[in-house]
Amino acid sequence: MDVGEILNFKPEMAVKRAAEEEEDEKDRPGKKRGRLESRGLGPQPPSSHLGSLGGVASARTRQIVEEKLIEYEEQESSEMTDGPLNESLLKKMILSFEKRVLKNQELRIKFPDDPRKFMESEVELNDAVEELHVVATVPELYPVLVELGAVKSLLSLLSHDNTDISIATVDLLQEMTELEDIQEEEGAEALIDALLEGQVVTTLVHNLQRMDESNKSEADGVHNSLGIIENLAEVRVQVCRDAGPGGLLAWLLKRLRAKLPFDANKLYSSEILAICMQNHEENRRLIGEMDGIDVLLQQLAVYKRHDPSTNEEQEMMENLFDTLCSCLMFTPNRDLFLRGEGLQLMNLMLREKKLSRNGALRVLDHALTGQEGADNCNKFVEILGLRTIFPLFMKTPGKHGKKGLTKDQHEEHVISIITSLLRNCRPNQRTRLINKFTENDHEKVDRLLELHFKYLEKVLATNLEEQAKAENLDEDELYLRRLDGGLFTLQLVDYIMLDVCATGPPSIKRRVLKILNLRNASVKTIKNIMREYASNLGDGASSEAQAEEQDRILDLLDKFQNT
């Protein structure tokens, strides 16, 4: 039965009227008759003839009409969901969705203080959002969704007063953006552009601020909101750039600082924060201004004497270390790290030999490197950091856990730290550092030569491997591969060797030459390595600083040859 038949349906009347009366009624004017005819229900017996019986018939008529309309809508809905989704069916779904959005808005405006009046419309609206999940299986239809304005409507629902509807919308957007390869999915780009144009990050943050995570459904909504941000950040750099102005960074820090038990949302917050810090100088600056360095140090301080209790908690700890390393690449944050007693915390972590030791080593490397790390270098020596770093130099610990540093990575960080100390320390601290190489019959010089031969073999093996591949690599690409193959660590080892030989007691150089002779090695190899190192300096440094460092290396070479 179609709509026309439903509307023309006339039930049998309890009392029949004469044909003459019906003819008279047709000609009789009246508001009631006109109103009923306008609804398509036909003429009704006047109350003067039927009394209460006419009211019963009218109510019965409306009930039958409503039942038939509901049946028709359900039939139409089933037709939309049966079979594969195409553009025509999607347009019908969106039209139905928009009607329910509009209906709910009107009822909320009309009856703001009476939830009973709009409760049913919100159930229908929630169902309409759930029905749209099928669109996530056909991303090529996303442009249709954008063209018809459905994305704007969905973004408006994120701020809906009913958090159930807002959470359902978040769940839908998370599923629509979670594609295996969203960059290559046809149509996905239109959805992403529409979401970013609608300031999705800012809208999500406003929604996150009202979520109560003690409620399971709202906690899931927080997790899915972070999922949307992660999915978009993978394909659009703009998402990370909007994190600061949109309030996301402030919310993430607040969530990490909250005194709540560890859960999946805290882990996810740490992951999103680490993503936002990668290669984004402005975000690093904002984190410093928001006291984010102190927040990170406070969160990491928990692990100075205790290991994380689960793998997920360990992953969060690593995310916090990654974030701190990124933040320290912004120079002003190093002063905040120093004033926040970050050096003392990292030094303590290295001594405690817990899982946090690997992260602490990476953070120290970032805090001390370059001319900007001079204050941290001097402070590290003052807090007796040499007593911590040289035992790690003498004996590389095994890999601590599945996600720990390998031996090569550990040695690279330790050697990089010692190199930074030699470059940046003031005379008094530098003297204490060089004296370490004369202790216990020059055992640290022996270890230095051991590392030199180890990484020299790695570099020679890498050179042979690249020659065997016979790839047409340019000079820069080949140099980068050699750096990854151990050349970078070898350069730092030889830099330390030259520096302590040229500026330390003569006994250090004598020990170096003695070991080289015992191994039938040549000083020429060390000179060639250091000349290559000097010629490739410059990335990330000013031309003046680059020239100064090159002159210093060449000066060390001359002293090494002449003494």
Foldseek 3Di string as FASTA:
>chain_A
DDLLCLLQDADDAPDDDDPVVVVVVVVDDDDVQVVCVVSSHHDFDDCVVPPCSRVVRVVVSVVSSVVVVVVVVVVVVVVLPPDQHDLVSVVVLLVQLVVLLVVLVVQCVVCVPDCVSNVVSVVVNLVSLVVCLSVLVPLLCLVVCVVVPVLVVLLVQCPPPPVSSNLSSLVSLLSNLPDPCLVPRHNSVSSLVSCVVSVVLLSLVVSLVPADVVDPSSVVSLVSSLSNLVSSVVPDVVSLVCCVVSVVVVVLLVVCQDPDPDDPNVLSSLQSLLSSLPPDLVSLVVCVVSVVLLSLLVSLLVPLQPEDPDPSVNSSNLSSLSNLLSSLLRLVVLVVCVVSVVLVSLLSSLVNPYQCVQSSLSNLLSCLDDQSNLVVLQVCVVVVVVVRLVVCLLPPDPADDPPGDHSLRSNLSSLSNLLSSCVRYDPVSNQVSLVVCPPPNRSSLVSLVVLLVVLVVQLVVQVVVVVVVVDPDDPVVSVVSSVVSRLVSNLSSLQVLLSSCLPHDVVSLVVNVVVCVVVVHDPVVSVVSLLVVLVPDDVPDDPVVSVVVSVVSVVSVVSSVPD
